[in-house]
Amino acid sequence: MIWDTYPEGTKIIAGIPDIPSVGKGPETSDVDVFSLDWVRHIDRFNAAKVCYWLLMDFASALKQHDLKKMGTVLYDISFCGTKGAPLIALHGGDLLGIILEMRLSGVEVCFMSSAGPGLVAMTKDKSDKAIEIFKKHNCKVIEIEPDNEGLKYQLFKR
């Protein structure tokens, strides 16, 4: 287990896109149990690469509180090492476009949560930009400001 505090001033912004696969469950979703089994198979092939990136790159970035490097590792893992890319296609919508737009706008971290379709952005000074991008793509937005003692969140409208 790799653990450390969040860098001081980090905000976590979650965006939940309004796409057909949200909230249906495996029985009615396009991202069904068989699809998840297929992507778990992909995970097995990439396990060594992902472990290497986590141990050699992510752990040191976390200890150095380097959000930008953490974001690069999570981006690489999402698209070159796990189920992220195939599931983004299965979910539909513009999830990939949102992630790329976040990256190009300077938001340090953006990735799809687990099997998605929720997206997570982490930033020190670009939270307004992250919220703007999520809103532009009709995502529900949740902003979380960790205090390194427990997670507190506030739902809000912008």
C-alpha atoms as a PDB file:
ATOM      1  CA  MET A   1       0.000   0.000   0.000  1.00  0.00           C
ATOM      2  CA  ILE A   2       1.330   3.415  -1.007  1.00  0.00           C
ATOM      3  CA  TRP A   3       0.043   6.206   1.217  1.00  0.00           C
ATOM      4  CA  ASP A   4       0.834   9.841   1.880  1.00  0.00           C
ATOM      5  CA  THR A   5      -1.054  13.050   2.507  1.00  0.00           C
ATOM      6  CA  TYR A   6      -2.425  15.080  -0.354  1.00  0.00           C
ATOM      7  CA  PRO A   7      -0.277  18.054  -1.285  1.00  0.00           C
ATOM      8  CA  GLU A   8      -1.398  21.174   0.613  1.00  0.00           C
ATOM      9  CA  GLY A   9      -4.142  23.018  -1.259  1.00  0.00           C
ATOM     10  CA  THR A  10      -5.115  20.107  -3.520  1.00  0.00           C
ATOM     11  CA  LYS A  11      -8.719  19.977  -4.643  1.00  0.00           C
ATOM     12  CA  ILE A  12     -10.404  16.886  -6.043  1.00  0.00           C
ATOM     13  CA  ILE A  13     -13.158  17.451  -8.565  1.00  0.00           C
ATOM     14  CA  ALA A  14     -15.315  14.543  -9.696  1.00  0.00           C
ATOM     15  CA  GLY A  15     -17.325  14.744 -12.887  1.00  0.00           C
ATOM     16  CA  ILE A  16     -20.133  12.306 -13.536  1.00  0.00           C
ATOM     17  CA  PRO A  17     -21.100  12.436 -17.203  1.00  0.00           C
ATOM     18  CA  ASP A  18     -24.665  12.245 -18.427  1.00  0.00           C
ATOM     19  CA  ILE A  19     -24.274   9.187 -20.645  1.00  0.00           C
ATOM     20  CA  PRO A  20     -26.462   6.093 -21.106  1.00  0.00           C
ATOM     21  CA  SER A  21     -24.319   3.721 -19.013  1.00  0.00           C
ATOM     22  CA  VAL A  22     -24.617   5.783 -15.807  1.00  0.00           C
ATOM     23  CA  GLY A  23     -26.671   4.245 -13.004  1.00  0.00           C
ATOM     24  CA  LYS A  24     -28.183   1.291 -14.854  1.00  0.00           C
ATOM     25  CA  GLY A  25     -26.259  -1.522 -13.248  1.00  0.00           C
ATOM     26  CA  PRO A  26     -24.725  -4.483 -15.050  1.00  0.00           C
ATOM     27  CA  GLU A  27     -28.062  -6.028 -16.030  1.00  0.00           C
ATOM     28  CA  THR A  28     -29.035  -3.181 -18.369  1.00  0.00           C
ATOM     29  CA  SER A  29     -25.789  -1.313 -18.996  1.00  0.00           C
ATOM     30  CA  ASP A  30     -23.771  -1.530 -22.205  1.00  0.00           C
ATOM     31  CA  VAL A  31     -20.775  -2.045 -19.888  1.00  0.00           C
ATOM     32  CA  ASP A  32     -21.908  -5.472 -18.791  1.00  0.00           C
ATOM     33  CA  VAL A  33     -20.340  -8.262 -16.776  1.00  0.00           C
ATOM     34  CA  PHE A  34     -18.865  -9.876 -19.905  1.00  0.00           C
ATOM     35  CA  SER A  35     -17.194  -6.615 -20.924  1.00  0.00           C
ATOM     36  CA  LEU A  36     -15.721  -6.234 -17.450  1.00  0.00           C
ATOM     37  CA  ASP A  37     -14.416  -9.803 -17.607  1.00  0.00           C
ATOM     38  CA  TRP A  38     -12.740  -8.994 -20.908  1.00  0.00           C
ATOM     39  CA  VAL A  39     -11.033  -5.881 -19.523  1.00  0.00           C
ATOM     40  CA  ARG A  40      -9.893  -7.732 -16.395  1.00  0.00           C
ATOM     41  CA  HIS A  41      -8.179 -10.104 -18.822  1.00  0.00           C
ATOM     42  CA  ILE A  42      -6.391  -7.059 -20.323  1.00  0.00           C
ATOM     43  CA  ASP A  43      -5.380  -6.010 -16.781  1.00  0.00           C
ATOM     44  CA  ARG A  44      -3.685  -9.375 -16.229  1.00  0.00           C
ATOM     45  CA  PHE A  45      -1.485  -8.873 -19.294  1.00  0.00           C
ATOM     46  CA  ASN A  46      -0.450  -5.412 -18.118  1.00  0.00           C
ATOM     47  CA  ALA A  47       0.010  -6.132 -14.408  1.00  0.00           C
ATOM     48  CA  ALA A  48       3.826  -6.020 -14.412  1.00  0.00           C
ATOM     49  CA  LYS A  49       3.915  -2.726 -16.320  1.00  0.00           C
ATOM     50  CA  VAL A  50       1.336  -1.109 -14.039  1.00  0.00           C
ATOM     51  CA  CYS A  51       3.118  -2.342 -10.889  1.00  0.00           C
ATOM     52  CA  TYR A  52       6.388  -0.933 -12.194  1.00  0.00           C
ATOM     53  CA  TRP A  53       4.823   2.473 -12.921  1.00  0.00           C
ATOM     54  CA  LEU A  54       3.166   2.562  -9.497  1.00  0.00           C
ATOM     55  CA  LEU A  55       6.273   1.548  -7.563  1.00  0.00           C
ATOM     56  CA  MET A  56       8.912   3.432  -9.545  1.00  0.00           C
ATOM     57  CA  ASP A  57       7.050   6.547 -10.715  1.00  0.00           C
ATOM     58  CA  PHE A  58       3.815   7.081  -8.790  1.00  0.00           C
ATOM     59  CA  ALA A  59       5.174   6.323  -5.312  1.00  0.00           C
ATOM     60  CA  SER A  60       8.031   8.810  -5.684  1.00  0.00           C
ATOM     61  CA  ALA A  61       5.702  11.462  -7.164  1.00  0.00           C
ATOM     62  CA  LEU A  62       3.320  10.967  -4.243  1.00  0.00           C
ATOM     63  CA  LYS A  63       6.109  11.305  -1.689  1.00  0.00           C
ATOM     64  CA  GLN A  64       7.346  14.457  -3.460  1.00  0.00           C
ATOM     65  CA  HIS A  65       3.769  15.797  -3.674  1.00  0.00           C
ATOM     66  CA  ASP A  66       4.273  16.205  -7.429  1.00  0.00           C
ATOM     67  CA  LEU A  67       0.707  16.272  -8.782  1.00  0.00           C
ATOM     68  CA  LYS A  68       1.836  16.760 -12.379  1.00  0.00           C
ATOM     69  CA  LYS A  69       3.972  13.610 -12.333  1.00  0.00           C
ATOM     70  CA  MET A  70       1.190  11.718 -10.540  1.00  0.00           C
ATOM     71  CA  GLY A  71      -1.146  12.810 -13.327  1.00  0.00           C
ATOM     72  CA  THR A  72       1.242  11.612 -16.017  1.00  0.00           C
ATOM     73  CA  VAL A  73       1.518   8.183 -14.381  1.00  0.00           C
ATOM     74  CA  LEU A  74      -2.270   7.838 -14.024  1.00  0.00           C
ATOM     75  CA  TYR A  75      -2.756   8.997 -17.621  1.00  0.00           C
ATOM     76  CA  ASP A  76      -0.235   6.414 -18.861  1.00  0.00           C
ATOM     77  CA  ILE A  77      -1.826   3.671 -16.783  1.00  0.00           C
ATOM     78  CA  SER A  78      -5.304   4.584 -18.034  1.00  0.00           C
ATOM     79  CA  PHE A  79      -4.437   4.454 -21.707  1.00  0.00           C
ATOM     80  CA  CYS A  80      -1.458   2.098 -21.923  1.00  0.00           C
ATOM     81  CA  GLY A  81      -1.883  -0.302 -19.077  1.00  0.00           C
ATOM     82  CA  THR A  82      -5.410  -1.022 -17.902  1.00  0.00           C
ATOM     83  CA  LYS A  83      -9.049  -1.197 -18.761  1.00  0.00           C
ATOM     84  CA  GLY A  84      -9.410   2.572 -19.173  1.00  0.00           C
ATOM     85  CA  ALA A  85      -9.207   2.912 -22.940  1.00  0.00           C
ATOM     86  CA  PRO A  86     -11.548   0.011 -23.831  1.00  0.00           C
ATOM     87  CA  LEU A  87     -14.142   1.074 -21.254  1.00  0.00           C
ATOM     88  CA  ILE A  88     -14.055   4.697 -22.369  1.00  0.00           C
ATOM     89  CA  ALA A  89     -15.144   3.467 -25.791  1.00  0.00           C
ATOM     90  CA  LEU A  90     -17.865   1.246 -24.292  1.00  0.00           C
ATOM     91  CA  HIS A  91     -19.304   4.073 -22.166  1.00  0.00           C
ATOM     92  CA  GLY A  92     -19.621   6.412 -25.129  1.00  0.00           C
ATOM     93  CA  GLY A  93     -19.792  10.141 -24.676  1.00  0.00           C
ATOM     94  CA  ASP A  94     -16.636  12.239 -24.825  1.00  0.00           C
ATOM     95  CA  LEU A  95     -14.770  10.860 -21.809  1.00  0.00           C
ATOM     96  CA  LEU A  96     -11.472  10.757 -23.674  1.00  0.00           C
ATOM     97  CA  GLY A  97     -12.016  14.324 -24.906  1.00  0.00           C
ATOM     98  CA  ILE A  98     -12.659  15.503 -21.354  1.00  0.00           C
ATOM     99  CA  ILE A  99      -9.489  13.849 -20.045  1.00  0.00           C
ATOM    100  CA  LEU A 100      -7.406  15.303 -22.879  1.00  0.00           C
ATOM    101  CA  GLU A 101      -8.947  18.764 -22.444  1.00  0.00           C
ATOM    102  CA  MET A 102      -8.114  18.676 -18.722  1.00  0.00           C
ATOM    103  CA  ARG A 103      -4.541  17.665 -19.498  1.00  0.00           C
ATOM    104  CA  LEU A 104      -4.094  20.392 -22.120  1.00  0.00           C
ATOM    105  CA  SER A 105      -5.608  23.050 -19.836  1.00  0.00           C
ATOM    106  CA  GLY A 106      -3.015  22.382 -17.125  1.00  0.00           C
ATOM    107  CA  VAL A 107      -5.152  20.386 -14.689  1.00  0.00           C
ATOM    108  CA  GLU A 108      -2.474  18.192 -13.138  1.00  0.00           C
ATOM    109  CA  VAL A 109      -4.433  14.926 -12.789  1.00  0.00           C
ATOM    110  CA  CYS A 110      -7.488  13.547 -14.602  1.00  0.00           C
ATOM    111  CA  PHE A 111      -8.447   9.889 -14.924  1.00  0.00           C
ATOM    112  CA  MET A 112     -11.472   7.635 -15.122  1.00  0.00           C
ATOM    113  CA  SER A 113     -12.523   6.142 -11.807  1.00  0.00           C
ATOM    114  CA  SER A 114     -12.174   2.356 -11.812  1.00  0.00           C
ATOM    115  CA  ALA A 115     -14.428   1.069 -14.589  1.00  0.00           C
ATOM    116  CA  GLY A 116     -15.997   4.515 -14.998  1.00  0.00           C
ATOM    117  CA  PRO A 117     -17.719   6.432 -16.284  1.00  0.00           C
ATOM    118  CA  GLY A 118     -16.959   8.931 -13.499  1.00  0.00           C
ATOM    119  CA  LEU A 119     -13.888  11.100 -14.018  1.00  0.00           C
ATOM    120  CA  VAL A 120     -11.641  12.503 -11.294  1.00  0.00           C
ATOM    121  CA  ALA A 121      -9.469  15.616 -11.538  1.00  0.00           C
ATOM    122  CA  MET A 122      -6.947  16.742  -8.929  1.00  0.00           C
ATOM    123  CA  THR A 123      -5.395  20.190  -8.992  1.00  0.00           C
ATOM    124  CA  LYS A 124      -3.867  22.868  -6.831  1.00  0.00           C
ATOM    125  CA  ASP A 125      -4.841  25.987  -8.747  1.00  0.00           C
ATOM    126  CA  LYS A 126      -7.003  24.966 -11.709  1.00  0.00           C
ATOM    127  CA  SER A 127     -10.185  23.820  -9.952  1.00  0.00           C
ATOM    128  CA  ASP A 128     -12.267  26.509 -11.671  1.00  0.00           C
ATOM    129  CA  LYS A 129     -10.953  25.291 -15.043  1.00  0.00           C
ATOM    130  CA  ALA A 130     -11.696  21.648 -14.172  1.00  0.00           C
ATOM    131  CA  ILE A 131     -15.250  22.538 -13.104  1.00  0.00           C
ATOM    132  CA  GLU A 132     -15.724  24.600 -16.271  1.00  0.00           C
ATOM    133  CA  ILE A 133     -14.641  21.676 -18.468  1.00  0.00           C
ATOM    134  CA  PHE A 134     -16.879  19.207 -16.623  1.00  0.00           C
ATOM    135  CA  LYS A 135     -19.861  21.589 -16.853  1.00  0.00           C
ATOM    136  CA  LYS A 136     -19.207  22.197 -20.577  1.00  0.00           C
ATOM    137  CA  HIS A 137     -19.601  18.442 -21.081  1.00  0.00           C
ATOM    138  CA  ASN A 138     -22.803  18.280 -18.958  1.00  0.00           C
ATOM    139  CA  CYS A 139     -21.221  16.435 -16.038  1.00  0.00           C
ATOM    140  CA  LYS A 140     -22.536  16.560 -12.503  1.00  0.00           C
ATOM    141  CA  VAL A 141     -19.706  18.056 -10.456  1.00  0.00           C
ATOM    142  CA  ILE A 142     -18.541  17.355  -6.912  1.00  0.00           C
ATOM    143  CA  GLU A 143     -15.632  19.297  -5.432  1.00  0.00           C
ATOM    144  CA  ILE A 144     -13.750  17.788  -2.509  1.00  0.00           C
ATOM    145  CA  GLU A 145     -11.059  19.476  -0.479  1.00  0.00           C
ATOM    146  CA  PRO A 146      -9.162  16.860   1.509  1.00  0.00           C
ATOM    147  CA  ASP A 147      -7.892  17.863   4.930  1.00  0.00           C
ATOM    148  CA  ASN A 148      -5.605  14.818   5.289  1.00  0.00           C
ATOM    149  CA  GLU A 149      -7.602  13.809   8.357  1.00  0.00           C
ATOM    150  CA  GLY A 150     -10.711  12.541   6.644  1.00  0.00           C
ATOM    151  CA  LEU A 151     -12.657  13.432   3.544  1.00  0.00           C
ATOM    152  CA  LYS A 152     -15.167  16.285   3.661  1.00  0.00           C
ATOM    153  CA  TYR A 153     -17.190  17.216   0.632  1.00  0.00           C
ATOM    154  CA  GLN A 154     -19.667  19.805  -0.451  1.00  0.00           C
ATOM    155  CA  LEU A 155     -22.081  19.515  -3.326  1.00  0.00           C
ATOM    156  CA  PHE A 156     -22.593  22.796  -5.069  1.00  0.00           C
ATOM    157  CA  LYS A 157     -23.827  24.410  -8.255  1.00  0.00           C
ATOM    158  CA  ARG A 158     -21.733  26.767 -10.312  1.00  0.00           C
END
